[in-house]
Amino acid sequence: MWLAGVRHVALDQHCLRSFGQPDRPRVDVRRRHQALELPQDNPPLAWYLCALPNPWNWSQNAHLAFEGAPGEEWEGPALVPGLHVQLTNARPITGWGEHDIPDSEPRRKSVRFRTCRNYQFAWWLRVQRNAPDAPPENVPSKRPGQGEQMSLM
């Protein structure tokens, strides 16, 4: 389970990486119940909660996108039942899905991208909230012995 404060999107990625470099409040995956207080200063465009069942089953992944909304409260299941959430001073963002990925987007043809709910929501943020592109990632180059397979002939 993870929570991401989404500030920008990386539409060449899927899963959590489609949110670029999000804010990542600590979520204790071992606790069945927990309360999180999210920062009010400099809020992200939206928050995104994802919980994966154990054992993993894609169809049972729980997703909930939400945004700050002073004075509002909401309680219910995430997008896929299995995770009950209470929001205070926030509201869920609904109505996003595969239809938010433009027909002209080549990655729409890829099952990995098209069915990824994070990627779908990233496109919703781009279209509905004009989410900017994520800054380039600072990924160190791989060297032999650091996770890269080396072949000798």
N, C-alpha and C. Protein backbone atom coordinates (compact mmCIF):
# COMPACT_ATOMS: atom_id res chain seq x y z
N MET A 1 0.86 -1.17 0.00
CA MET A 1 0.00 0.00 0.00
C MET A 1 0.90 1.23 0.00
N TRP A 2 0.51 2.23 -0.78
CA TRP A 2 1.26 3.47 -0.81
C TRP A 2 0.33 4.64 -1.07
N LEU A 3 0.82 5.82 -0.72
CA LEU A 3 0.09 7.06 -0.93
C LEU A 3 1.04 8.02 -1.64
N ALA A 4 0.54 8.68 -2.67
CA ALA A 4 1.37 9.60 -3.43
C ALA A 4 0.66 10.94 -3.58
N GLY A 5 1.38 12.01 -3.30
CA GLY A 5 0.90 13.36 -3.58
C GLY A 5 1.41 13.73 -4.96
N VAL A 6 0.51 13.81 -5.93
CA VAL A 6 0.90 13.96 -7.33
C VAL A 6 1.00 15.44 -7.70
N ARG A 7 2.18 15.84 -8.16
CA ARG A 7 2.44 17.22 -8.56
C ARG A 7 2.66 17.35 -10.06
N HIS A 8 3.06 16.26 -10.70
CA HIS A 8 3.33 16.26 -12.14
C HIS A 8 3.21 14.82 -12.62
N VAL A 9 3.28 14.63 -13.93
CA VAL A 9 3.08 13.29 -14.49
C VAL A 9 4.21 12.93 -15.46
N ALA A 10 4.44 11.64 -15.56
CA ALA A 10 5.43 11.09 -16.51
C ALA A 10 4.66 10.12 -17.40
N LEU A 11 4.14 10.62 -18.51
CA LEU A 11 3.24 9.84 -19.35
C LEU A 11 3.94 8.82 -20.24
N ASP A 12 5.24 8.67 -20.06
CA ASP A 12 5.97 7.60 -20.74
C ASP A 12 6.20 6.43 -19.78
N GLN A 13 5.61 6.49 -18.59
CA GLN A 13 5.76 5.46 -17.56
C GLN A 13 4.37 4.96 -17.15
N HIS A 14 4.33 3.82 -16.46
CA HIS A 14 3.07 3.36 -15.88
C HIS A 14 3.30 3.01 -14.42
N CYS A 15 2.27 2.60 -13.74
CA CYS A 15 2.28 2.33 -12.30
C CYS A 15 2.70 3.59 -11.55
N LEU A 16 3.28 3.46 -10.38
CA LEU A 16 3.64 4.62 -9.56
C LEU A 16 4.52 5.60 -10.32
N ARG A 17 5.35 5.11 -11.21
CA ARG A 17 6.27 5.99 -11.94
C ARG A 17 5.54 6.98 -12.85
N SER A 18 4.27 6.72 -13.17
CA SER A 18 3.53 7.68 -14.01
C SER A 18 3.28 8.99 -13.27
N PHE A 19 3.53 9.00 -11.96
CA PHE A 19 3.39 10.22 -11.16
C PHE A 19 4.72 10.93 -10.96
N GLY A 20 5.74 10.54 -11.71
CA GLY A 20 7.04 11.21 -11.63
C GLY A 20 7.66 11.05 -10.25
N GLN A 21 7.88 12.15 -9.59
CA GLN A 21 8.51 12.16 -8.26
C GLN A 21 7.49 12.72 -7.26
N PRO A 22 6.52 11.89 -6.84
CA PRO A 22 5.46 12.38 -5.96
C PRO A 22 5.92 12.54 -4.52
N ASP A 23 5.12 13.28 -3.75
CA ASP A 23 5.30 13.30 -2.29
C ASP A 23 4.92 11.90 -1.80
N ARG A 24 5.63 11.36 -0.85
CA ARG A 24 5.35 9.99 -0.38
C ARG A 24 5.24 9.93 1.15
N PRO A 25 4.09 10.31 1.71
CA PRO A 25 3.92 10.17 3.15
C PRO A 25 4.05 8.70 3.54
N ARG A 26 4.57 8.47 4.73
CA ARG A 26 4.78 7.10 5.20
C ARG A 26 3.45 6.45 5.56
N VAL A 27 3.22 5.27 4.99
CA VAL A 27 2.06 4.46 5.29
C VAL A 27 2.58 3.15 5.87
N ASP A 28 2.05 2.75 7.01
CA ASP A 28 2.48 1.51 7.64
C ASP A 28 1.63 0.36 7.09
N VAL A 29 2.20 -0.42 6.21
CA VAL A 29 1.44 -1.47 5.53
C VAL A 29 1.06 -2.61 6.46
N ARG A 30 1.65 -2.68 7.64
CA ARG A 30 1.34 -3.77 8.58
C ARG A 30 0.14 -3.46 9.45
N ARG A 31 -0.27 -2.19 9.52
CA ARG A 31 -1.40 -1.82 10.38
C ARG A 31 -2.71 -1.93 9.61
N ARG A 32 -3.71 -2.54 10.26
CA ARG A 32 -5.02 -2.67 9.61
C ARG A 32 -5.79 -1.34 9.63
N HIS A 33 -5.56 -0.50 10.61
CA HIS A 33 -6.22 0.80 10.72
C HIS A 33 -5.16 1.85 11.01
N GLN A 34 -5.25 2.97 10.33
CA GLN A 34 -4.32 4.07 10.61
C GLN A 34 -4.92 5.37 10.14
N ALA A 35 -4.49 6.44 10.80
CA ALA A 35 -4.92 7.78 10.43
C ALA A 35 -3.68 8.55 9.97
N LEU A 36 -3.82 9.23 8.85
CA LEU A 36 -2.72 10.04 8.32
C LEU A 36 -3.18 11.48 8.23
N GLU A 37 -2.34 12.39 8.69
CA GLU A 37 -2.62 13.81 8.54
C GLU A 37 -1.70 14.33 7.45
N LEU A 38 -2.29 14.78 6.37
CA LEU A 38 -1.51 15.24 5.23
C LEU A 38 -1.24 16.73 5.34
N PRO A 39 -0.08 17.18 4.87
CA PRO A 39 0.26 18.60 5.00
C PRO A 39 -0.70 19.49 4.22
N GLN A 40 -1.05 20.62 4.82
CA GLN A 40 -1.95 21.56 4.16
C GLN A 40 -1.20 22.59 3.33
N ASP A 41 0.04 22.87 3.71
CA ASP A 41 0.84 23.84 2.97
C ASP A 41 1.34 23.22 1.68
N ASN A 42 1.29 23.98 0.60
CA ASN A 42 1.78 23.54 -0.71
C ASN A 42 1.20 22.18 -1.12
N PRO A 43 -0.13 22.07 -1.20
CA PRO A 43 -0.74 20.77 -1.53
C PRO A 43 -0.44 20.35 -2.97
N PRO A 44 -0.37 19.04 -3.20
CA PRO A 44 -0.20 18.54 -4.58
C PRO A 44 -1.49 18.72 -5.36
N LEU A 45 -1.45 18.42 -6.66
CA LEU A 45 -2.66 18.48 -7.50
C LEU A 45 -3.72 17.51 -6.98
N ALA A 46 -3.26 16.34 -6.53
CA ALA A 46 -4.16 15.31 -6.03
C ALA A 46 -3.35 14.31 -5.21
N TRP A 47 -4.07 13.50 -4.45
CA TRP A 47 -3.47 12.38 -3.72
C TRP A 47 -3.96 11.09 -4.37
N TYR A 48 -3.13 10.06 -4.32
CA TYR A 48 -3.50 8.78 -4.93
C TYR A 48 -3.10 7.67 -3.97
N LEU A 49 -4.08 6.88 -3.57
CA LEU A 49 -3.86 5.75 -2.66
C LEU A 49 -4.00 4.46 -3.45
N CYS A 50 -3.03 3.57 -3.28
CA CYS A 50 -3.06 2.28 -3.97
C CYS A 50 -2.74 1.18 -2.95
N ALA A 51 -3.54 0.14 -2.95
CA ALA A 51 -3.31 -1.00 -2.05
C ALA A 51 -3.41 -2.28 -2.86
N LEU A 52 -2.40 -3.10 -2.76
CA LEU A 52 -2.35 -4.37 -3.49
C LEU A 52 -2.63 -5.51 -2.53
N PRO A 53 -3.52 -6.43 -2.90
CA PRO A 53 -3.82 -7.54 -2.00
C PRO A 53 -2.65 -8.53 -1.95
N ASN A 54 -2.61 -9.29 -0.86
CA ASN A 54 -1.60 -10.33 -0.72
C ASN A 54 -2.32 -11.65 -0.46
N PRO A 55 -2.26 -12.61 -1.36
CA PRO A 55 -1.45 -12.64 -2.56
C PRO A 55 -2.02 -11.68 -3.62
N TRP A 56 -1.10 -11.20 -4.48
CA TRP A 56 -1.46 -10.19 -5.46
C TRP A 56 -2.45 -10.73 -6.48
N ASN A 57 -3.47 -9.91 -6.76
CA ASN A 57 -4.47 -10.21 -7.78
C ASN A 57 -4.87 -8.86 -8.37
N TRP A 58 -4.46 -8.59 -9.62
CA TRP A 58 -4.67 -7.30 -10.24
C TRP A 58 -6.11 -6.81 -10.10
N SER A 59 -7.08 -7.69 -10.28
CA SER A 59 -8.48 -7.26 -10.27
C SER A 59 -8.94 -6.79 -8.89
N GLN A 60 -8.18 -7.10 -7.85
CA GLN A 60 -8.56 -6.69 -6.50
C GLN A 60 -7.72 -5.52 -5.96
N ASN A 61 -6.90 -4.92 -6.81
CA ASN A 61 -6.15 -3.74 -6.37
C ASN A 61 -7.13 -2.63 -6.00
N ALA A 62 -6.86 -1.97 -4.89
CA ALA A 62 -7.72 -0.87 -4.44
C ALA A 62 -7.06 0.45 -4.80
N HIS A 63 -7.81 1.36 -5.39
CA HIS A 63 -7.29 2.67 -5.81
C HIS A 63 -8.26 3.75 -5.37
N LEU A 64 -7.71 4.87 -4.93
CA LEU A 64 -8.55 6.01 -4.60
C LEU A 64 -7.76 7.29 -4.88
N ALA A 65 -8.29 8.11 -5.77
CA ALA A 65 -7.73 9.43 -6.02
C ALA A 65 -8.59 10.43 -5.25
N PHE A 66 -7.93 11.41 -4.61
CA PHE A 66 -8.70 12.41 -3.86
C PHE A 66 -7.94 13.72 -3.81
N GLU A 67 -8.67 14.76 -3.40
CA GLU A 67 -8.09 16.10 -3.33
C GLU A 67 -8.59 16.80 -2.08
N GLY A 68 -7.82 17.78 -1.63
CA GLY A 68 -8.23 18.57 -0.48
C GLY A 68 -9.51 19.33 -0.77
N ALA A 69 -10.40 19.37 0.22
CA ALA A 69 -11.67 20.10 0.10
C ALA A 69 -12.10 20.48 1.52
N PRO A 70 -11.68 21.65 2.00
CA PRO A 70 -11.99 22.06 3.37
C PRO A 70 -13.48 21.94 3.69
N GLY A 71 -13.76 21.31 4.83
CA GLY A 71 -15.14 21.16 5.29
C GLY A 71 -15.87 19.94 4.76
N GLU A 72 -15.32 19.27 3.76
CA GLU A 72 -16.00 18.09 3.21
C GLU A 72 -15.52 16.81 3.90
N GLU A 73 -16.40 15.83 3.92
CA GLU A 73 -16.08 14.50 4.45
C GLU A 73 -16.63 13.45 3.51
N TRP A 74 -15.95 12.32 3.46
CA TRP A 74 -16.38 11.21 2.62
C TRP A 74 -15.94 9.92 3.28
N GLU A 75 -16.74 8.88 3.13
CA GLU A 75 -16.39 7.58 3.66
C GLU A 75 -16.90 6.52 2.70
N GLY A 76 -16.05 5.54 2.39
CA GLY A 76 -16.48 4.47 1.50
C GLY A 76 -15.30 3.62 1.03
N PRO A 77 -15.59 2.72 0.09
CA PRO A 77 -14.53 1.86 -0.44
C PRO A 77 -13.70 2.59 -1.50
N ALA A 78 -12.47 2.14 -1.65
CA ALA A 78 -11.65 2.64 -2.75
C ALA A 78 -12.28 2.13 -4.05
N LEU A 79 -11.70 2.51 -5.20
CA LEU A 79 -12.26 2.17 -6.50
C LEU A 79 -12.67 0.70 -6.60
N VAL A 80 -11.83 -0.19 -6.11
CA VAL A 80 -12.16 -1.61 -6.06
C VAL A 80 -12.40 -1.95 -4.60
N PRO A 81 -13.55 -2.49 -4.23
CA PRO A 81 -13.83 -2.77 -2.82
C PRO A 81 -12.73 -3.60 -2.18
N GLY A 82 -12.53 -3.38 -0.89
CA GLY A 82 -11.51 -4.11 -0.16
C GLY A 82 -10.72 -3.19 0.74
N LEU A 83 -10.81 -1.91 0.50
CA LEU A 83 -10.12 -0.93 1.33
C LEU A 83 -11.13 0.16 1.66
N HIS A 84 -11.46 0.29 2.93
CA HIS A 84 -12.41 1.30 3.39
C HIS A 84 -11.63 2.55 3.80
N VAL A 85 -12.08 3.71 3.35
CA VAL A 85 -11.36 4.95 3.59
C VAL A 85 -12.32 6.00 4.14
N GLN A 86 -11.82 6.80 5.08
CA GLN A 86 -12.54 7.97 5.57
C GLN A 86 -11.70 9.19 5.23
N LEU A 87 -12.29 10.17 4.58
CA LEU A 87 -11.60 11.41 4.24
C LEU A 87 -12.24 12.55 5.01
N THR A 88 -11.42 13.39 5.60
CA THR A 88 -11.87 14.61 6.26
C THR A 88 -11.15 15.77 5.60
N ASN A 89 -11.90 16.79 5.24
CA ASN A 89 -11.36 17.95 4.50
C ASN A 89 -10.78 17.52 3.15
N ALA A 90 -11.42 16.52 2.58
CA ALA A 90 -11.01 16.01 1.26
C ALA A 90 -12.20 15.34 0.61
N ARG A 91 -12.10 15.13 -0.71
CA ARG A 91 -13.16 14.44 -1.45
C ARG A 91 -12.52 13.56 -2.52
N PRO A 92 -13.18 12.44 -2.85
CA PRO A 92 -12.63 11.59 -3.91
C PRO A 92 -12.76 12.27 -5.27
N ILE A 93 -11.87 11.90 -6.16
CA ILE A 93 -11.96 12.33 -7.56
C ILE A 93 -12.45 11.12 -8.33
N THR A 94 -13.57 11.26 -9.00
CA THR A 94 -14.19 10.13 -9.70
C THR A 94 -14.33 10.45 -11.18
N GLY A 95 -14.70 9.43 -11.94
CA GLY A 95 -15.01 9.63 -13.35
C GLY A 95 -13.82 9.45 -14.29
N TRP A 96 -12.65 9.20 -13.75
CA TRP A 96 -11.48 9.00 -14.60
C TRP A 96 -11.37 7.51 -14.94
N GLY A 97 -10.65 7.23 -16.03
CA GLY A 97 -10.48 5.83 -16.42
C GLY A 97 -9.76 5.73 -17.74
N GLU A 98 -9.86 4.57 -18.35
CA GLU A 98 -9.19 4.30 -19.62
C GLU A 98 -9.58 5.33 -20.69
N HIS A 99 -10.81 5.81 -20.63
CA HIS A 99 -11.29 6.79 -21.62
C HIS A 99 -10.52 8.11 -21.57
N ASP A 100 -9.75 8.36 -20.50
CA ASP A 100 -8.96 9.60 -20.41
C ASP A 100 -7.67 9.54 -21.22
N ILE A 101 -7.26 8.35 -21.62
CA ILE A 101 -6.05 8.22 -22.44
C ILE A 101 -6.45 8.56 -23.88
N PRO A 102 -5.85 9.57 -24.48
CA PRO A 102 -6.24 9.96 -25.84
C PRO A 102 -6.06 8.82 -26.85
N ASP A 103 -6.97 8.75 -27.81
CA ASP A 103 -6.87 7.73 -28.86
C ASP A 103 -5.56 7.85 -29.62
N SER A 104 -5.02 9.06 -29.70
CA SER A 104 -3.78 9.29 -30.45
C SER A 104 -2.53 8.87 -29.67
N GLU A 105 -2.67 8.54 -28.39
CA GLU A 105 -1.52 8.15 -27.57
C GLU A 105 -1.11 6.72 -27.93
N PRO A 106 0.11 6.52 -28.48
CA PRO A 106 0.54 5.17 -28.90
C PRO A 106 0.55 4.15 -27.76
N ARG A 107 0.82 4.58 -26.54
CA ARG A 107 0.87 3.63 -25.41
C ARG A 107 -0.52 3.09 -25.06
N ARG A 108 -1.55 3.71 -25.56
CA ARG A 108 -2.92 3.22 -25.32
C ARG A 108 -3.09 1.80 -25.86
N LYS A 109 -2.30 1.43 -26.86
CA LYS A 109 -2.39 0.09 -27.43
C LYS A 109 -1.73 -0.98 -26.54
N SER A 110 -0.90 -0.55 -25.61
CA SER A 110 -0.21 -1.46 -24.70
C SER A 110 -1.11 -1.79 -23.51
N VAL A 111 -1.33 -3.07 -23.25
CA VAL A 111 -2.16 -3.48 -22.12
C VAL A 111 -1.58 -2.96 -20.82
N ARG A 112 -0.26 -2.97 -20.68
CA ARG A 112 0.37 -2.50 -19.44
C ARG A 112 0.02 -1.04 -19.15
N PHE A 113 -0.05 -0.22 -20.16
CA PHE A 113 -0.37 1.19 -19.96
C PHE A 113 -1.89 1.40 -19.90
N ARG A 114 -2.60 0.85 -20.85
CA ARG A 114 -4.04 1.09 -20.96
C ARG A 114 -4.80 0.65 -19.71
N THR A 115 -4.40 -0.47 -19.11
CA THR A 115 -5.14 -1.00 -17.96
C THR A 115 -4.60 -0.49 -16.63
N CYS A 116 -3.52 0.27 -16.66
CA CYS A 116 -2.91 0.78 -15.42
C CYS A 116 -3.73 1.96 -14.90
N ARG A 117 -4.33 1.79 -13.74
CA ARG A 117 -5.18 2.85 -13.20
C ARG A 117 -4.37 4.10 -12.86
N ASN A 118 -3.13 3.93 -12.45
CA ASN A 118 -2.29 5.10 -12.17
C ASN A 118 -2.08 5.89 -13.45
N TYR A 119 -1.78 5.21 -14.54
CA TYR A 119 -1.56 5.86 -15.83
C TYR A 119 -2.85 6.55 -16.30
N GLN A 120 -3.98 5.90 -16.11
CA GLN A 120 -5.27 6.50 -16.47
C GLN A 120 -5.47 7.81 -15.70
N PHE A 121 -5.18 7.77 -14.39
CA PHE A 121 -5.37 8.97 -13.58
C PHE A 121 -4.35 10.04 -13.94
N ALA A 122 -3.14 9.64 -14.30
CA ALA A 122 -2.14 10.62 -14.74
C ALA A 122 -2.65 11.38 -15.96
N TRP A 123 -3.28 10.66 -16.90
CA TRP A 123 -3.84 11.33 -18.07
C TRP A 123 -5.00 12.24 -17.67
N TRP A 124 -5.82 11.81 -16.72
CA TRP A 124 -6.91 12.66 -16.25
C TRP A 124 -6.33 13.96 -15.69
N LEU A 125 -5.26 13.84 -14.89
CA LEU A 125 -4.62 15.04 -14.33
C LEU A 125 -4.07 15.94 -15.43
N ARG A 126 -3.50 15.35 -16.48
CA ARG A 126 -2.97 16.17 -17.58
C ARG A 126 -4.10 16.94 -18.25
N VAL A 127 -5.19 16.25 -18.56
CA VAL A 127 -6.29 16.87 -19.30
C VAL A 127 -7.12 17.80 -18.42
N GLN A 128 -7.47 17.36 -17.22
CA GLN A 128 -8.39 18.12 -16.37
C GLN A 128 -7.71 19.19 -15.51
N ARG A 129 -6.45 18.94 -15.12
CA ARG A 129 -5.76 19.87 -14.22
C ARG A 129 -4.48 20.44 -14.81
N ASN A 130 -4.25 20.14 -16.09
CA ASN A 130 -3.06 20.64 -16.77
C ASN A 130 -1.77 20.28 -16.02
N ALA A 131 -1.69 19.05 -15.54
CA ALA A 131 -0.52 18.59 -14.79
C ALA A 131 0.72 18.70 -15.66
N PRO A 132 1.78 19.31 -15.14
CA PRO A 132 3.01 19.45 -15.92
C PRO A 132 3.78 18.14 -16.02
N ASP A 133 4.72 18.09 -16.95
CA ASP A 133 5.60 16.93 -17.07
C ASP A 133 6.51 16.85 -15.85
N ALA A 134 6.78 15.65 -15.41
CA ALA A 134 7.71 15.43 -14.31
C ALA A 134 9.12 15.79 -14.76
N PRO A 135 9.94 16.28 -13.83
CA PRO A 135 11.32 16.53 -14.20
C PRO A 135 12.02 15.21 -14.54
N PRO A 136 13.07 15.27 -15.35
CA PRO A 136 13.78 14.03 -15.68
C PRO A 136 14.29 13.36 -14.41
N GLU A 137 14.24 12.05 -14.42
CA GLU A 137 14.72 11.30 -13.26
C GLU A 137 16.24 11.30 -13.22
N ASN A 138 16.74 11.32 -12.03
CA ASN A 138 18.18 11.23 -11.84
C ASN A 138 18.50 9.76 -11.58
N VAL A 139 18.67 9.00 -12.64
CA VAL A 139 18.92 7.57 -12.53
C VAL A 139 20.38 7.31 -12.86
N PRO A 140 21.14 6.82 -11.85
CA PRO A 140 22.55 6.56 -12.14
C PRO A 140 22.71 5.46 -13.17
N SER A 141 23.73 5.58 -14.00
CA SER A 141 23.96 4.55 -15.01
C SER A 141 24.38 3.26 -14.32
N LYS A 142 23.96 2.14 -14.89
CA LYS A 142 24.30 0.83 -14.32
C LYS A 142 25.71 0.44 -14.73
N ARG A 143 26.41 -0.15 -13.80
CA ARG A 143 27.74 -0.66 -14.06
C ARG A 143 27.73 -2.15 -13.73
N PRO A 144 28.56 -2.94 -14.37
CA PRO A 144 28.62 -4.36 -14.03
C PRO A 144 28.76 -4.55 -12.52
N GLY A 145 27.99 -5.49 -12.01
CA GLY A 145 28.01 -5.75 -10.57
C GLY A 145 26.98 -4.93 -9.81
N GLN A 146 26.25 -4.04 -10.49
CA GLN A 146 25.23 -3.24 -9.85
C GLN A 146 23.87 -3.48 -10.48
N GLY A 147 23.50 -4.75 -10.62
CA GLY A 147 22.20 -5.11 -11.14
C GLY A 147 22.14 -5.31 -12.63
N GLU A 148 23.23 -5.12 -13.33
CA GLU A 148 23.23 -5.31 -14.78
C GLU A 148 23.87 -6.65 -15.08
N GLN A 149 23.24 -7.40 -15.97
CA GLN A 149 23.79 -8.70 -16.35
C GLN A 149 24.91 -8.48 -17.34
N MET A 150 26.00 -9.22 -17.14
CA MET A 150 27.16 -9.09 -18.02
C MET A 150 27.37 -10.42 -18.72
N SER A 151 27.61 -10.38 -20.00
CA SER A 151 27.89 -11.60 -20.77
C SER A 151 29.31 -11.55 -21.31
N LEU A 152 30.02 -12.64 -21.15
CA LEU A 152 31.37 -12.75 -21.69
C LEU A 152 31.38 -13.84 -22.73
N MET A 153 32.05 -13.61 -23.82
CA MET A 153 32.11 -14.62 -24.88
C MET A 153 33.54 -15.02 -25.10
